[in-house]
PDB file of N, CA and C in Angstrom:
ATOM      1  N   UNK A   1      43.171  14.932  33.345  1.00  0.00           N
ATOM      2  CA  UNK A   1      42.776  16.152  32.672  1.00  0.00           C
ATOM      3  C   UNK A   1      42.043  17.036  33.665  1.00  0.00           C
ATOM      4  N   UNK A   2      42.476  18.258  33.802  1.00  0.00           N
ATOM      5  CA  UNK A   2      41.897  19.150  34.795  1.00  0.00           C
ATOM      6  C   UNK A   2      40.599  19.785  34.342  1.00  0.00           C
ATOM      7  N   UNK A   3      39.896  20.350  35.290  1.00  0.00           N
ATOM      8  CA  UNK A   3      38.621  21.003  35.011  1.00  0.00           C
ATOM      9  C   UNK A   3      38.811  22.179  34.069  1.00  0.00           C
ATOM     10  N   UNK A   4      39.914  22.925  34.236  1.00  0.00           N
ATOM     11  CA  UNK A   4      40.137  24.117  33.414  1.00  0.00           C
ATOM     12  C   UNK A   4      40.400  23.725  31.966  1.00  0.00           C
ATOM     13  N   UNK A   5      41.145  22.627  31.751  1.00  0.00           N
ATOM     14  CA  UNK A   5      41.415  22.200  30.393  1.00  0.00           C
ATOM     15  C   UNK A   5      40.167  21.612  29.735  1.00  0.00           C
ATOM     16  N   UNK A   6      39.387  20.874  30.503  1.00  0.00           N
ATOM     17  CA  UNK A   6      38.194  20.232  29.949  1.00  0.00           C
ATOM     18  C   UNK A   6      37.080  21.246  29.680  1.00  0.00           C
ATOM     19  N   UNK A   7      36.898  22.171  30.571  1.00  0.00           N
ATOM     20  CA  UNK A   7      35.831  23.174  30.457  1.00  0.00           C
ATOM     21  C   UNK A   7      36.445  24.555  30.659  1.00  0.00           C
ATOM     22  N   UNK A   8      36.947  25.212  29.592  1.00  0.00           N
ATOM     23  CA  UNK A   8      37.647  26.481  29.750  1.00  0.00           C
ATOM     24  C   UNK A   8      36.793  27.602  30.323  1.00  0.00           C
ATOM     25  N   UNK A   9      35.480  27.521  30.218  1.00  0.00           N
ATOM     26  CA  UNK A   9      34.615  28.573  30.754  1.00  0.00           C
ATOM     27  C   UNK A   9      34.113  28.246  32.150  1.00  0.00           C
ATOM     28  N   UNK A  10      34.538  27.131  32.717  1.00  0.00           N
ATOM     29  CA  UNK A  10      34.009  26.694  34.007  1.00  0.00           C
ATOM     30  C   UNK A  10      34.343  27.681  35.121  1.00  0.00           C
ATOM     31  N   UNK A  11      35.579  28.162  35.179  1.00  0.00           N
ATOM     32  CA  UNK A  11      35.957  29.070  36.266  1.00  0.00           C
ATOM     33  C   UNK A  11      35.217  30.403  36.206  1.00  0.00           C
ATOM     34  N   UNK A  12      35.124  31.070  35.052  1.00  0.00           N
ATOM     35  CA  UNK A  12      34.346  32.312  35.026  1.00  0.00           C
ATOM     36  C   UNK A  12      32.879  32.100  35.400  1.00  0.00           C
ATOM     37  N   UNK A  13      32.284  30.998  34.954  1.00  0.00           N
ATOM     38  CA  UNK A  13      30.878  30.723  35.279  1.00  0.00           C
ATOM     39  C   UNK A  13      30.726  30.491  36.772  1.00  0.00           C
ATOM     40  N   UNK A  14      31.644  29.724  37.372  1.00  0.00           N
ATOM     41  CA  UNK A  14      31.589  29.491  38.818  1.00  0.00           C
ATOM     42  C   UNK A  14      31.780  30.786  39.598  1.00  0.00           C
ATOM     43  N   UNK A  15      32.644  31.661  39.128  1.00  0.00           N
ATOM     44  CA  UNK A  15      32.860  32.938  39.808  1.00  0.00           C
ATOM     45  C   UNK A  15      31.595  33.790  39.791  1.00  0.00           C
ATOM     46  N   UNK A  16      30.918  33.842  38.646  1.00  0.00           N
ATOM     47  CA  UNK A  16      29.672  34.617  38.534  1.00  0.00           C
ATOM     48  C   UNK A  16      28.602  34.013  39.440  1.00  0.00           C
ATOM     49  N   UNK A  17      28.494  32.677  39.459  1.00  0.00           N
ATOM     50  CA  UNK A  17      27.521  32.030  40.347  1.00  0.00           C
ATOM     51  C   UNK A  17      27.804  32.344  41.805  1.00  0.00           C
ATOM     52  N   UNK A  18      29.076  32.364  42.165  1.00  0.00           N
ATOM     53  CA  UNK A  18      29.443  32.705  43.543  1.00  0.00           C
ATOM     54  C   UNK A  18      29.024  34.118  43.905  1.00  0.00           C
ATOM     55  N   UNK A  19      29.171  35.062  42.980  1.00  0.00           N
ATOM     56  CA  UNK A  19      28.751  36.439  43.235  1.00  0.00           C
ATOM     57  C   UNK A  19      27.238  36.537  43.373  1.00  0.00           C
ATOM     58  N   UNK A  20      26.518  35.801  42.534  1.00  0.00           N
ATOM     59  CA  UNK A  20      25.048  35.838  42.601  1.00  0.00           C
ATOM     60  C   UNK A  20      24.577  35.252  43.931  1.00  0.00           C
ATOM     61  N   UNK A  21      25.150  34.119  44.312  1.00  0.00           N
ATOM     62  CA  UNK A  21      24.740  33.473  45.564  1.00  0.00           C
ATOM     63  C   UNK A  21      25.084  34.337  46.762  1.00  0.00           C
ATOM     64  N   UNK A  22      26.290  34.962  46.751  1.00  0.00           N
ATOM     65  CA  UNK A  22      26.653  35.799  47.899  1.00  0.00           C
ATOM     66  C   UNK A  22      25.790  37.053  47.973  1.00  0.00           C
ATOM     67  N   UNK A  23      25.304  37.555  46.819  1.00  0.00           N
ATOM     68  CA  UNK A  23      24.431  38.730  46.841  1.00  0.00           C
ATOM     69  C   UNK A  23      23.036  38.352  47.316  1.00  0.00           C
ATOM     70  N   UNK A  24      22.652  37.098  47.171  1.00  0.00           N
ATOM     71  CA  UNK A  24      21.328  36.630  47.530  1.00  0.00           C
ATOM     72  C   UNK A  24      21.460  35.648  48.683  1.00  0.00           C
ATOM     73  N   UNK A  25      21.864  36.167  49.833  1.00  0.00           N
ATOM     74  CA  UNK A  25      22.081  35.300  50.985  1.00  0.00           C
ATOM     75  C   UNK A  25      21.339  35.847  52.194  1.00  0.00           C
ATOM     76  N   UNK A  26      21.350  35.065  53.244  1.00  0.00           N
ATOM     77  CA  UNK A  26      20.643  35.449  54.460  1.00  0.00           C
ATOM     78  C   UNK A  26      21.342  36.595  55.169  1.00  0.00           C
ATOM     79  N   UNK A  27      20.542  37.441  55.806  1.00  0.00           N
ATOM     80  CA  UNK A  27      21.071  38.558  56.573  1.00  0.00           C
ATOM     81  C   UNK A  27      21.484  38.038  57.955  1.00  0.00           C
ATOM     82  N   UNK A  28      22.771  38.104  58.317  1.00  0.00           N
ATOM     83  CA  UNK A  28      23.203  37.571  59.613  1.00  0.00           C
ATOM     84  C   UNK A  28      22.643  38.345  60.806  1.00  0.00           C
ATOM     85  N   UNK A  29      22.118  39.561  60.578  1.00  0.00           N
ATOM     86  CA  UNK A  29      21.524  40.347  61.674  1.00  0.00           C
ATOM     87  C   UNK A  29      20.083  39.954  61.971  1.00  0.00           C
ATOM     88  N   UNK A  30      19.490  39.153  61.101  1.00  0.00           N
ATOM     89  CA  UNK A  30      18.124  38.685  61.316  1.00  0.00           C
ATOM     90  C   UNK A  30      18.107  37.748  62.528  1.00  0.00           C
ATOM     91  N   UNK A  31      17.198  37.937  63.476  1.00  0.00           N
ATOM     92  CA  UNK A  31      17.188  37.084  64.670  1.00  0.00           C
ATOM     93  C   UNK A  31      16.861  35.620  64.376  1.00  0.00           C
ATOM     94  N   UNK A  32      16.314  35.319  63.208  1.00  0.00           N
ATOM     95  CA  UNK A  32      15.985  33.938  62.851  1.00  0.00           C
ATOM     96  C   UNK A  32      17.117  33.243  62.087  1.00  0.00           C
ATOM     97  N   UNK A  33      18.223  33.945  61.932  1.00  0.00           N
ATOM     98  CA  UNK A  33      19.376  33.390  61.209  1.00  0.00           C
ATOM     99  C   UNK A  33      20.436  32.977  62.217  1.00  0.00           C
ATOM    100  N   UNK A  34      20.844  31.721  62.153  1.00  0.00           N
ATOM    101  CA  UNK A  34      21.928  31.205  62.994  1.00  0.00           C
ATOM    102  C   UNK A  34      23.158  31.021  62.108  1.00  0.00           C
ATOM    103  N   UNK A  35      24.314  30.954  62.724  1.00  0.00           N
ATOM    104  CA  UNK A  35      25.528  30.763  61.937  1.00  0.00           C
ATOM    105  C   UNK A  35      26.401  29.697  62.590  1.00  0.00           C
ATOM    106  N   UNK A  36      27.272  29.124  61.792  1.00  0.00           N
ATOM    107  CA  UNK A  36      28.219  28.130  62.283  1.00  0.00           C
ATOM    108  C   UNK A  36      29.490  28.226  61.440  1.00  0.00           C
ATOM    109  N   UNK A  37      30.585  27.705  62.005  1.00  0.00           N
ATOM    110  CA  UNK A  37      31.851  27.697  61.277  1.00  0.00           C
ATOM    111  C   UNK A  37      31.920  26.436  60.431  1.00  0.00           C
ATOM    112  N   UNK A  38      32.412  26.592  59.223  1.00  0.00           N
ATOM    113  CA  UNK A  38      32.501  25.486  58.281  1.00  0.00           C
ATOM    114  C   UNK A  38      33.927  25.434  57.738  1.00  0.00           C
ATOM    115  N   UNK A  39      34.475  24.250  57.624  1.00  0.00           N
ATOM    116  CA  UNK A  39      35.815  24.114  57.051  1.00  0.00           C
ATOM    117  C   UNK A  39      35.690  23.715  55.582  1.00  0.00           C
ATOM    118  N   UNK A  40      36.669  24.145  54.808  1.00  0.00           N
ATOM    119  CA  UNK A  40      36.725  23.765  53.404  1.00  0.00           C
ATOM    120  C   UNK A  40      38.185  23.689  52.975  1.00  0.00           C
ATOM    121  N   UNK A  41      38.443  22.913  51.959  1.00  0.00           N
ATOM    122  CA  UNK A  41      39.810  22.692  51.494  1.00  0.00           C
ATOM    123  C   UNK A  41      40.116  23.583  50.298  1.00  0.00           C
ATOM    124  N   UNK A  42      41.329  24.124  50.281  1.00  0.00           N
ATOM    125  CA  UNK A  42      41.799  24.958  49.187  1.00  0.00           C
ATOM    126  C   UNK A  42      43.111  24.368  48.683  1.00  0.00           C
ATOM    127  N   UNK A  43      43.231  24.195  47.373  1.00  0.00           N
ATOM    128  CA  UNK A  43      44.473  23.723  46.787  1.00  0.00           C
ATOM    129  C   UNK A  43      45.391  24.913  46.566  1.00  0.00           C
ATOM    130  N   UNK A  44      46.609  24.808  47.095  1.00  0.00           N
ATOM    131  CA  UNK A  44      47.570  25.900  46.984  1.00  0.00           C
ATOM    132  C   UNK A  44      48.883  25.352  46.409  1.00  0.00           C
ATOM    133  N   UNK A  45      49.643  26.236  45.811  1.00  0.00           N
ATOM    134  CA  UNK A  45      50.981  25.870  45.363  1.00  0.00           C
ATOM    135  C   UNK A  45      51.950  26.365  46.421  1.00  0.00           C
ATOM    136  N   UNK A  46      52.787  25.463  46.916  1.00  0.00           N
ATOM    137  CA  UNK A  46      53.722  25.826  47.975  1.00  0.00           C
ATOM    138  C   UNK A  46      55.142  25.476  47.565  1.00  0.00           C
ATOM    139  N   UNK A  47      56.094  26.239  48.064  1.00  0.00           N
ATOM    140  CA  UNK A  47      57.494  25.960  47.780  1.00  0.00           C
ATOM    141  C   UNK A  47      58.086  25.177  48.946  1.00  0.00           C
ATOM    142  N   UNK A  48      59.112  24.388  48.632  1.00  0.00           N
ATOM    143  CA  UNK A  48      59.818  23.642  49.664  1.00  0.00           C
ATOM    144  C   UNK A  48      61.253  23.411  49.214  1.00  0.00           C
ATOM    145  N   UNK A  49      62.124  23.051  50.146  1.00  0.00           N
ATOM    146  CA  UNK A  49      63.521  22.772  49.839  1.00  0.00           C
ATOM    147  C   UNK A  49      63.655  21.305  49.450  1.00  0.00           C
ATOM    148  N   UNK A  50      63.952  21.064  48.182  1.00  0.00           N
ATOM    149  CA  UNK A  50      64.076  19.693  47.674  1.00  0.00           C
ATOM    150  C   UNK A  50      65.552  19.271  47.739  1.00  0.00           C
ATOM    151  N   UNK A  51      65.877  18.225  48.516  1.00  0.00           N
ATOM    152  CA  UNK A  51      67.281  17.800  48.626  1.00  0.00           C
ATOM    153  C   UNK A  51      67.729  17.008  47.392  1.00  0.00           C
ATOM    154  N   UNK A  52      68.978  17.184  47.013  1.00  0.00           N
ATOM    155  CA  UNK A  52      69.551  16.365  45.939  1.00  0.00           C
ATOM    156  C   UNK A  52      71.033  16.139  46.233  1.00  0.00           C
ATOM    157  N   UNK A  53      71.568  15.068  45.663  1.00  0.00           N
ATOM    158  CA  UNK A  53      72.951  14.685  45.879  1.00  0.00           C
ATOM    159  C   UNK A  53      73.835  15.417  44.875  1.00  0.00           C
ATOM    160  N   UNK A  54      74.779  16.194  45.375  1.00  0.00           N
ATOM    161  CA  UNK A  54      75.672  16.944  44.507  1.00  0.00           C
ATOM    162  C   UNK A  54      77.052  16.294  44.574  1.00  0.00           C
ATOM    163  N   UNK A  55      77.612  15.989  43.402  1.00  0.00           N
ATOM    164  CA  UNK A  55      78.935  15.377  43.325  1.00  0.00           C
ATOM    165  C   UNK A  55      79.958  16.470  43.049  1.00  0.00           C
ATOM    166  N   UNK A  56      81.067  16.435  43.784  1.00  0.00           N
ATOM    167  CA  UNK A  56      82.150  17.377  43.534  1.00  0.00           C
ATOM    168  C   UNK A  56      83.474  16.648  43.719  1.00  0.00           C
ATOM    169  N   UNK A  57      84.525  17.244  43.227  1.00  0.00           N
ATOM    170  CA  UNK A  57      85.852  16.625  43.278  1.00  0.00           C
ATOM    171  C   UNK A  57      86.764  17.463  44.153  1.00  0.00           C
ATOM    172  N   UNK A  58      87.674  16.781  44.813  1.00  0.00           N
ATOM    173  CA  UNK A  58      88.623  17.461  45.679  1.00  0.00           C
ATOM    174  C   UNK A  58      89.994  16.804  45.511  1.00  0.00           C
ATOM    175  N   UNK A  59      91.023  17.507  45.903  1.00  0.00           N
ATOM    176  CA  UNK A  59      92.380  16.943  45.833  1.00  0.00           C
ATOM    177  C   UNK A  59      92.558  15.936  46.963  1.00  0.00           C
ATOM    178  N   UNK A  60      93.234  14.842  46.645  1.00  0.00           N
ATOM    179  CA  UNK A  60      93.523  13.845  47.665  1.00  0.00           C
ATOM    180  C   UNK A  60      94.812  13.105  47.297  1.00  0.00           C
ATOM    181  N   UNK A  61      95.122  12.075  48.026  1.00  0.00           N
ATOM    182  CA  UNK A  61      96.390  11.353  47.817  1.00  0.00           C
ATOM    183  C   UNK A  61      96.238  10.119  46.943  1.00  0.00           C
ATOM    184  N   UNK A  62      95.151  10.026  46.169  1.00  0.00           N
ATOM    185  CA  UNK A  62      94.910   8.881  45.306  1.00  0.00           C
ATOM    186  C   UNK A  62      95.657   9.066  43.980  1.00  0.00           C
ATOM    187  N   UNK A  63      96.768   8.377  43.842  1.00  0.00           N
ATOM    188  CA  UNK A  63      97.610   8.526  42.649  1.00  0.00           C
ATOM    189  C   UNK A  63      96.906   7.966  41.416  1.00  0.00           C
ATOM    190  N   UNK A  64      96.134   6.878  41.576  1.00  0.00           N
ATOM    191  CA  UNK A  64      95.478   6.242  40.434  1.00  0.00           C
ATOM    192  C   UNK A  64      94.437   7.146  39.777  1.00  0.00           C
ATOM    193  N   UNK A  65      93.859   8.061  40.508  1.00  0.00           N
ATOM    194  CA  UNK A  65      92.858   8.998  39.963  1.00  0.00           C
ATOM    195  C   UNK A  65      93.432  10.398  39.773  1.00  0.00           C
ATOM    196  N   UNK A  66      94.732  10.471  39.591  1.00  0.00           N
ATOM    197  CA  UNK A  66      95.392  11.759  39.368  1.00  0.00           C
ATOM    198  C   UNK A  66      95.145  12.736  40.511  1.00  0.00           C
ATOM    199  N   UNK A  67      95.157  12.231  41.727  1.00  0.00           N
ATOM    200  CA  UNK A  67      95.014  13.025  42.962  1.00  0.00           C
ATOM    201  C   UNK A  67      93.660  13.734  43.070  1.00  0.00           C
ATOM    202  N   UNK A  68      92.649  13.150  42.407  1.00  0.00           N
ATOM    203  CA  UNK A  68      91.295  13.691  42.508  1.00  0.00           C
ATOM    204  C   UNK A  68      90.394  12.641  43.141  1.00  0.00           C
ATOM    205  N   UNK A  69      89.622  13.052  44.139  1.00  0.00           N
ATOM    206  CA  UNK A  69      88.667  12.160  44.792  1.00  0.00           C
ATOM    207  C   UNK A  69      87.253  12.708  44.613  1.00  0.00           C
ATOM    208  N   UNK A  70      86.320  11.788  44.472  1.00  0.00           N
ATOM    209  CA  UNK A  70      84.914  12.166  44.321  1.00  0.00           C
ATOM    210  C   UNK A  70      84.287  12.282  45.707  1.00  0.00           C
ATOM    211  N   UNK A  71      83.549  13.349  45.918  1.00  0.00           N
ATOM    212  CA  UNK A  71      82.849  13.569  47.183  1.00  0.00           C
ATOM    213  C   UNK A  71      81.371  13.861  46.881  1.00  0.00           C
ATOM    214  N   UNK A  72      80.547  13.628  47.880  1.00  0.00           N
ATOM    215  CA  UNK A  72      79.104  13.886  47.765  1.00  0.00           C
ATOM    216  C   UNK A  72      78.677  14.820  48.886  1.00  0.00           C
ATOM    217  N   UNK A  73      77.741  15.680  48.568  1.00  0.00           N
ATOM    218  CA  UNK A  73      77.109  16.500  49.602  1.00  0.00           C
ATOM    219  C   UNK A  73      75.646  16.700  49.230  1.00  0.00           C
ATOM    220  N   UNK A  74      74.834  16.874  50.238  1.00  0.00           N
ATOM    221  CA  UNK A  74      73.416  17.121  50.017  1.00  0.00           C
ATOM    222  C   UNK A  74      73.200  18.624  49.862  1.00  0.00           C
ATOM    223  N   UNK A  75      72.651  19.007  48.732  1.00  0.00           N
ATOM    224  CA  UNK A  75      72.300  20.406  48.480  1.00  0.00           C
ATOM    225  C   UNK A  75      70.785  20.499  48.349  1.00  0.00           C
ATOM    226  N   UNK A  76      70.293  21.693  48.348  1.00  0.00           N
ATOM    227  CA  UNK A  76      68.844  21.912  48.289  1.00  0.00           C
ATOM    228  C   UNK A  76      68.523  22.928  47.213  1.00  0.00           C
ATOM    229  N   UNK A  77      67.424  22.667  46.513  1.00  0.00           N
ATOM    230  CA  UNK A  77      66.930  23.644  45.550  1.00  0.00           C
ATOM    231  C   UNK A  77      65.446  23.868  45.828  1.00  0.00           C
ATOM    232  N   UNK A  78      64.963  25.029  45.452  1.00  0.00           N
ATOM    233  CA  UNK A  78      63.557  25.350  45.665  1.00  0.00           C
ATOM    234  C   UNK A  78      62.713  24.622  44.628  1.00  0.00           C
ATOM    235  N   UNK A  79      61.733  23.895  45.107  1.00  0.00           N
ATOM    236  CA  UNK A  79      60.803  23.181  44.229  1.00  0.00           C
ATOM    237  C   UNK A  79      59.392  23.552  44.650  1.00  0.00           C
ATOM    238  N   UNK A  80      58.439  23.217  43.813  1.00  0.00           N
ATOM    239  CA  UNK A  80      57.041  23.568  44.080  1.00  0.00           C
ATOM    240  C   UNK A  80      56.169  22.327  44.025  1.00  0.00           C
ATOM    241  N   UNK A  81      55.146  22.321  44.840  1.00  0.00           N
ATOM    242  CA  UNK A  81      54.188  21.222  44.862  1.00  0.00           C
ATOM    243  C   UNK A  81      52.821  21.779  45.216  1.00  0.00           C
ATOM    244  N   UNK A  82      51.820  20.991  44.905  1.00  0.00           N
ATOM    245  CA  UNK A  82      50.458  21.370  45.278  1.00  0.00           C
ATOM    246  C   UNK A  82      50.156  20.800  46.643  1.00  0.00           C
ATOM    247  N   UNK A  83      49.543  21.605  47.446  1.00  0.00           N
ATOM    248  CA  UNK A  83      49.156  21.168  48.774  1.00  0.00           C
ATOM    249  C   UNK A  83      47.710  21.549  49.042  1.00  0.00           C
ATOM    250  N   UNK A  84      47.166  20.986  50.076  1.00  0.00           N
ATOM    251  CA  UNK A  84      45.785  21.277  50.460  1.00  0.00           C
ATOM    252  C   UNK A  84      45.816  21.987  51.802  1.00  0.00           C
ATOM    253  N   UNK A  85      45.183  23.128  51.870  1.00  0.00           N
ATOM    254  CA  UNK A  85      45.119  23.908  53.104  1.00  0.00           C
ATOM    255  C   UNK A  85      43.663  23.976  53.538  1.00  0.00           C
ATOM    256  N   UNK A  86      43.433  23.771  54.825  1.00  0.00           N
ATOM    257  CA  UNK A  86      42.077  23.846  55.366  1.00  0.00           C
ATOM    258  C   UNK A  86      41.800  25.284  55.802  1.00  0.00           C
ATOM    259  N   UNK A  87      40.718  25.837  55.285  1.00  0.00           N
ATOM    260  CA  UNK A  87      40.305  27.198  55.624  1.00  0.00           C
ATOM    261  C   UNK A  87      38.952  27.108  56.332  1.00  0.00           C
ATOM    262  N   UNK A  88      38.561  28.199  56.987  1.00  0.00           N
ATOM    263  CA  UNK A  88      37.301  28.224  57.722  1.00  0.00           C
ATOM    264  C   UNK A  88      36.514  29.462  57.332  1.00  0.00           C
ATOM    265  N   UNK A  89      35.207  29.298  57.288  1.00  0.00           N
ATOM    266  CA  UNK A  89      34.319  30.436  56.996  1.00  0.00           C
ATOM    267  C   UNK A  89      33.037  30.282  57.816  1.00  0.00           C
ATOM    268  N   UNK A  90      32.425  31.415  58.094  1.00  0.00           N
ATOM    269  CA  UNK A  90      31.160  31.422  58.835  1.00  0.00           C
ATOM    270  C   UNK A  90      30.030  31.303  57.827  1.00  0.00           C
ATOM    271  N   UNK A  91      29.129  30.367  58.071  1.00  0.00           N
ATOM    272  CA  UNK A  91      27.994  30.141  57.198  1.00  0.00           C
ATOM    273  C   UNK A  91      26.708  30.486  57.933  1.00  0.00           C
ATOM    274  N   UNK A  92      25.815  31.154  57.245  1.00  0.00           N
ATOM    275  CA  UNK A  92      24.514  31.496  57.816  1.00  0.00           C
ATOM    276  C   UNK A  92      23.488  30.466  57.371  1.00  0.00           C
ATOM    277  N   UNK A  93      22.597  30.124  58.266  1.00  0.00           N
ATOM    278  CA  UNK A  93      21.492  29.215  57.944  1.00  0.00           C
ATOM    279  C   UNK A  93      20.327  29.570  58.845  1.00  0.00           C
ATOM    280  N   UNK A  94      19.158  29.147  58.466  1.00  0.00           N
ATOM    281  CA  UNK A  94      17.976  29.413  59.284  1.00  0.00           C
ATOM    282  C   UNK A  94      18.048  28.602  60.573  1.00  0.00           C
ATOM    283  N   UNK A  95      17.622  29.226  61.653  1.00  0.00           N
ATOM    284  CA  UNK A  95      17.612  28.554  62.952  1.00  0.00           C
ATOM    285  C   UNK A  95      16.589  27.417  62.929  1.00  0.00           C
ATOM    286  N   UNK A  96      16.685  26.475  63.878  1.00  0.00           N
ATOM    287  CA  UNK A  96      15.694  25.392  63.938  1.00  0.00           C
ATOM    288  C   UNK A  96      14.276  25.966  64.058  1.00  0.00           C
ATOM    289  N   UNK A  97      13.337  25.396  63.301  1.00  0.00           N
ATOM    290  CA  UNK A  97      11.957  25.867  63.298  1.00  0.00           C
ATOM    291  C   UNK A  97      11.675  26.863  62.192  1.00  0.00           C
ATOM    292  N   UNK A  98      12.705  27.199  61.393  1.00  0.00           N
ATOM    293  CA  UNK A  98      12.555  28.150  60.290  1.00  0.00           C
ATOM    294  C   UNK A  98      13.092  27.512  59.022  1.00  0.00           C
ATOM    295  N   UNK A  99      12.585  27.945  57.872  1.00  0.00           N
ATOM    296  CA  UNK A  99      13.124  27.470  56.602  1.00  0.00           C
ATOM    297  C   UNK A  99      13.456  28.668  55.736  1.00  0.00           C
ATOM    298  N   UNK A 100      14.355  28.449  54.780  1.00  0.00           N
ATOM    299  CA  UNK A 100      14.834  29.530  53.932  1.00  0.00           C
ATOM    300  C   UNK A 100      13.904  29.723  52.748  1.00  0.00           C
ATOM    301  N   UNK A 101      13.479  30.958  52.548  1.00  0.00           N
ATOM    302  CA  UNK A 101      12.654  31.324  51.400  1.00  0.00           C
ATOM    303  C   UNK A 101      13.275  32.578  50.793  1.00  0.00           C
ATOM    304  N   UNK A 102      14.040  32.388  49.719  1.00  0.00           N
ATOM    305  CA  UNK A 102      14.776  33.508  49.139  1.00  0.00           C
ATOM    306  C   UNK A 102      15.883  33.913  50.067  1.00  0.00           C
ATOM    307  N   UNK A 103      15.839  35.160  50.519  1.00  0.00           N
ATOM    308  CA  UNK A 103      16.871  35.631  51.453  1.00  0.00           C
ATOM    309  C   UNK A 103      16.293  35.844  52.859  1.00  0.00           C
ATOM    310  N   UNK A 104      15.162  35.206  53.166  1.00  0.00           N
ATOM    311  CA  UNK A 104      14.538  35.333  54.474  1.00  0.00           C
ATOM    312  C   UNK A 104      14.360  33.972  55.118  1.00  0.00           C
ATOM    313  N   UNK A 105      14.303  33.961  56.456  1.00  0.00           N
ATOM    314  CA  UNK A 105      13.975  32.756  57.204  1.00  0.00           C
ATOM    315  C   UNK A 105      12.530  32.875  57.677  1.00  0.00           C
ATOM    316  N   UNK A 106      11.715  31.945  57.222  1.00  0.00           N
ATOM    317  CA  UNK A 106      10.268  31.969  57.524  1.00  0.00           C
ATOM    318  C   UNK A 106       9.952  30.847  58.510  1.00  0.00           C
ATOM    319  N   UNK A 107       9.071  31.151  59.483  1.00  0.00           N
ATOM    320  CA  UNK A 107       8.714  30.177  60.499  1.00  0.00           C
ATOM    321  C   UNK A 107       7.915  29.027  59.884  1.00  0.00           C
ATOM    322  N   UNK A 108       8.298  27.798  60.288  1.00  0.00           N
ATOM    323  CA  UNK A 108       7.564  26.629  59.816  1.00  0.00           C
ATOM    324  C   UNK A 108       6.220  26.557  60.521  1.00  0.00           C
ATOM    325  N   UNK A 109       5.173  26.237  59.796  1.00  0.00           N
ATOM    326  CA  UNK A 109       3.862  26.084  60.405  1.00  0.00           C
ATOM    327  C   UNK A 109       3.752  24.700  61.022  1.00  0.00           C
ATOM    328  N   UNK A 110       3.143  24.605  62.193  1.00  0.00           N
ATOM    329  CA  UNK A 110       2.999  23.311  62.879  1.00  0.00           C
ATOM    330  C   UNK A 110       1.645  22.726  62.654  1.00  0.00           C
TER     331      UNK A 110
END
């Protein structure tokens, strides 16, 4: 059972939370903010050529089968599957020696 079927409001709530978090994030121009690349997985629907065995008949010299012979060939049809794609995004975080307080990086006291 998928998340959408179990919790029909889950996606809209997650979308709103994402907007709130992105609006309340660190300023990358702040000298106390460092950034790094982060990978994350995204589920995508992708198409592919699915092979199948196609049976066809042709004329031949087989008298017992009324001059018809069975032949096979591999044909392809478009099918769909779910796949996982790795994406990358830049993440901001406070540099070493600083901690996050709201949308600012504040120096740790020693």
